[in-house]
Amino acid sequence: MIHLYHGEGKGKTTAAVGLAVRAAGSGMKVLFVQFFKNGSSSEVGVLSSIPGIDVLIPEVWYGRYRKMTEEQQEETRKCYTALMEDIGSRAEEYGLIVLDEAVSAYNYGMFDRAAFMEMLRKWKDSRETVLTGRNPAPELTEAADYVTEMKKEKHPFDSGVMARKGIEF
């Protein structure tokens, strides 16, 4: 089935990490992939150390999409397209595939959307897939079996507290 964790609130990646740990604990093989992140988030090291969890971080990282130059966007697009092809070729090995921030990558057209939707349809009956990110396109919400919105009611960032290691990243 397809799980979609979205919204403006904290907890999308945290929920995906929790599910990855639970799945690995049950003996399921897990692939955890992050888009628009550089691999420095605290969960990456721990996930990499858990037997049964493989972590993929894109080789290219320029920060937030809106701050990238056109050349950086194109380089990222090529990297993410190759990454999605790699994921597709390895998918049969995994019972759970987590695509952290894939919603943003999809929204910005960082890989072929039609091919991605076909891949999700193909995987739907054979593995669990988790997508995280903000503002999912309607077709992603429609394709998902689980849709969970993380809604922010209050966050320290609103009063100037920056993201804290081990809590927000």
Protein backbone atom coordinates (compact mmCIF):
# COMPACT_ATOMS: atom_id res chain seq x y z
CA MET A 1 0.00 0.00 0.00
CA ILE A 2 1.00 3.63 -0.37
CA HIS A 3 1.40 5.86 2.68
CA LEU A 4 1.43 9.65 2.28
CA TYR A 5 2.61 11.84 5.17
CA HIS A 6 2.14 15.49 4.27
CA GLY A 7 1.42 18.91 5.70
CA GLU A 8 3.01 21.97 7.23
CA GLY A 9 3.63 20.35 10.60
CA LYS A 10 6.61 18.57 12.06
CA GLY A 11 6.64 14.79 11.96
CA LYS A 12 6.51 13.61 8.34
CA THR A 13 10.04 12.23 8.22
CA THR A 14 9.80 11.14 11.85
CA ALA A 15 6.75 9.01 11.03
CA ALA A 16 8.52 7.52 8.01
CA VAL A 17 11.59 6.70 10.12
CA GLY A 18 9.38 5.05 12.72
CA LEU A 19 7.71 2.88 10.11
CA ALA A 20 11.11 1.95 8.62
CA VAL A 21 12.37 0.85 12.05
CA ARG A 22 9.17 -1.10 12.73
CA ALA A 23 9.36 -2.85 9.34
CA ALA A 24 13.05 -3.74 9.80
CA GLY A 25 12.26 -5.02 13.28
CA SER A 26 9.75 -7.42 11.75
CA GLY A 27 12.34 -8.73 9.29
CA MET A 28 11.24 -6.66 6.32
CA LYS A 29 13.96 -5.23 4.08
CA VAL A 30 13.73 -1.42 3.82
CA LEU A 31 15.03 1.16 1.36
CA PHE A 32 15.07 4.70 2.80
CA VAL A 33 15.70 7.46 0.24
CA GLN A 34 15.89 11.20 0.92
CA PHE A 35 15.40 13.95 -1.66
CA PHE A 36 16.39 17.59 -1.12
CA LYS A 37 18.46 16.58 1.91
CA ASN A 38 22.22 16.16 2.19
CA GLY A 39 22.42 13.13 4.46
CA SER A 40 23.36 15.09 7.58
CA SER A 41 20.05 14.56 9.38
CA SER A 42 20.51 12.59 12.57
CA GLU A 43 18.29 9.69 11.48
CA VAL A 44 20.51 8.78 8.52
CA GLY A 45 23.40 7.35 10.58
CA VAL A 46 21.11 5.33 12.82
CA LEU A 47 19.03 3.97 9.95
CA SER A 48 22.22 2.96 8.11
CA SER A 49 23.32 0.95 11.14
CA ILE A 50 20.12 -1.10 11.37
CA PRO A 51 20.32 -4.50 9.67
CA GLY A 52 17.84 -4.67 6.82
CA ILE A 53 17.73 -0.93 6.12
CA ASP A 54 19.56 0.55 3.13
CA VAL A 55 19.80 4.34 2.89
CA LEU A 56 20.26 6.27 -0.35
CA ILE A 57 21.14 9.95 -0.40
CA PRO A 58 21.41 11.74 -3.77
CA GLU A 59 24.93 12.69 -4.82
CA VAL A 60 23.77 16.22 -5.70
CA TRP A 61 22.51 18.67 -3.09
CA TYR A 62 22.13 22.44 -3.47
CA GLY A 63 19.65 23.13 -0.70
CA ARG A 64 16.10 24.30 -1.25
CA TYR A 65 14.78 24.14 -4.79
CA ARG A 66 13.73 27.79 -4.91
CA LYS A 67 17.27 28.91 -4.07
CA MET A 68 18.88 26.81 -6.82
CA THR A 69 20.10 28.31 -10.06
CA GLU A 70 18.63 26.92 -13.27
CA GLU A 71 21.85 24.95 -13.81
CA GLN A 72 21.62 23.48 -10.30
CA GLN A 73 17.98 22.57 -10.87
CA GLU A 74 18.88 20.77 -14.08
CA GLU A 75 21.78 18.92 -12.44
CA THR A 76 19.49 17.90 -9.58
CA ARG A 77 16.82 16.77 -12.07
CA LYS A 78 19.35 14.52 -13.84
CA CYS A 79 20.55 13.12 -10.51
CA TYR A 80 17.01 12.42 -9.25
CA THR A 81 15.98 10.85 -12.55
CA ALA A 82 18.95 8.45 -12.33
CA LEU A 83 18.16 7.82 -8.66
CA MET A 84 14.55 6.90 -9.47
CA GLU A 85 15.76 4.52 -12.16
CA ASP A 86 18.11 2.92 -9.61
CA ILE A 87 15.29 2.61 -7.07
CA GLY A 88 13.03 1.05 -9.71
CA SER A 89 15.66 -1.51 -10.65
CA ARG A 90 16.21 -2.50 -7.00
CA ALA A 91 12.59 -2.33 -5.78
CA GLU A 92 12.01 -6.09 -5.84
CA GLU A 93 14.53 -6.48 -2.98
CA TYR A 94 12.43 -4.42 -0.54
CA GLY A 95 9.20 -4.81 1.40
CA LEU A 96 9.16 -1.10 2.31
CA ILE A 97 10.44 1.83 0.27
CA VAL A 98 10.47 5.24 1.94
CA LEU A 99 10.78 8.23 -0.40
CA ASP A 100 11.34 11.12 1.97
CA GLU A 101 10.52 14.48 0.35
CA ALA A 102 9.50 12.72 -2.87
CA VAL A 103 6.36 14.88 -2.86
CA SER A 104 8.52 17.98 -3.33
CA ALA A 105 10.65 16.27 -5.97
CA TYR A 106 7.46 15.25 -7.79
CA ASN A 107 5.94 18.73 -7.50
CA TYR A 108 9.07 20.37 -8.93
CA GLY A 109 9.27 17.87 -11.80
CA MET A 110 12.62 16.49 -10.68
CA PHE A 111 11.87 13.14 -12.32
CA ASP A 112 9.34 11.85 -14.83
CA ARG A 113 5.94 12.15 -13.13
CA ALA A 114 4.15 9.63 -15.36
CA ALA A 115 6.90 7.05 -14.81
CA PHE A 116 6.73 7.68 -11.06
CA MET A 117 2.95 7.19 -10.95
CA GLU A 118 3.33 3.97 -12.95
CA MET A 119 6.00 2.77 -10.53
CA LEU A 120 3.69 3.46 -7.58
CA ARG A 121 0.87 1.53 -9.28
CA LYS A 122 3.23 -1.36 -10.00
CA TRP A 123 4.46 -1.48 -6.39
CA LYS A 124 1.06 -1.08 -4.75
CA ASP A 125 0.28 -4.78 -4.39
CA SER A 126 3.82 -5.98 -3.68
CA ARG A 127 5.40 -3.58 -1.16
CA GLU A 128 4.69 -0.69 1.16
CA THR A 129 5.72 2.72 -0.14
CA VAL A 130 5.95 5.90 1.93
CA LEU A 131 5.94 9.39 0.42
CA THR A 132 6.57 12.50 2.50
CA GLY A 133 6.41 16.21 1.75
CA ARG A 134 4.25 19.28 1.58
CA ASN A 135 1.39 20.09 -0.77
CA PRO A 136 0.94 16.75 -2.52
CA ALA A 137 -0.47 16.85 -6.02
CA PRO A 138 -4.04 15.52 -6.16
CA GLU A 139 -2.94 12.40 -8.05
CA LEU A 140 -0.55 11.46 -5.22
CA THR A 141 -3.32 11.83 -2.64
CA GLU A 142 -5.65 9.79 -4.84
CA ALA A 143 -3.07 7.01 -5.31
CA ALA A 144 -2.35 6.73 -1.58
CA ASP A 145 -4.08 4.21 0.69
CA TYR A 146 -3.04 6.02 3.89
CA VAL A 147 -3.06 9.82 3.92
CA THR A 148 -1.89 11.53 7.09
CA GLU A 149 -1.67 15.30 7.37
CA MET A 150 0.72 16.77 9.91
CA LYS A 151 -0.89 20.03 10.93
CA LYS A 152 1.12 22.67 12.73
CA GLU A 153 -0.70 24.39 15.55
CA LYS A 154 2.38 25.81 17.23
CA HIS A 155 6.11 25.52 16.52
CA PRO A 156 9.16 27.15 18.18
CA PHE A 157 10.37 28.29 14.75
CA ASP A 158 7.50 30.81 14.76
CA SER A 159 9.17 32.60 17.67
CA GLY A 160 12.67 32.49 16.15
CA VAL A 161 14.00 29.16 17.47
CA MET A 162 16.03 27.52 14.72
CA ALA A 163 15.94 23.77 13.95
CA ARG A 164 17.72 21.75 16.62
CA LYS A 165 19.93 18.74 15.90
CA GLY A 166 18.32 15.52 17.11
CA ILE A 167 14.87 17.12 17.27
CA GLU A 168 14.14 18.68 13.87
CA PHE A 169 17.07 17.19 11.96
